[in-house]
């Protein structure tokens, strides 16, 4: 079984605390439905800095990624099926799914 990373991109902020709670509840149900296939289920990111090729550091980044989830699946099609059920899509976000390569050592 291979591992896949699902990157969360964009998405609208909730218009109220109640809407945020409702979305989080749907998201937690989706995560729970993954069972053991969720290797690293909830990894939000914040405070991005960019290290440029000349070694300088700038605040922020160019990507709209807000987090990621690592799953195990039998194939890319199976990983995409899992991603299509994610409620992040309901708030205007998109998901990128990539297979993780195993490196020697």
Foldseek 3Di string as FASTA:
>chain_A
DFKKKKWKFDFDDDPDVVSVVVLVVLQVVLLVVQPPQFPFAWFFDDFDWDQDPVRDIGTDDDTRTGTMTMGDDPDVVRVVVSVVSHCSVVRVIDIDMDIDDDDDD
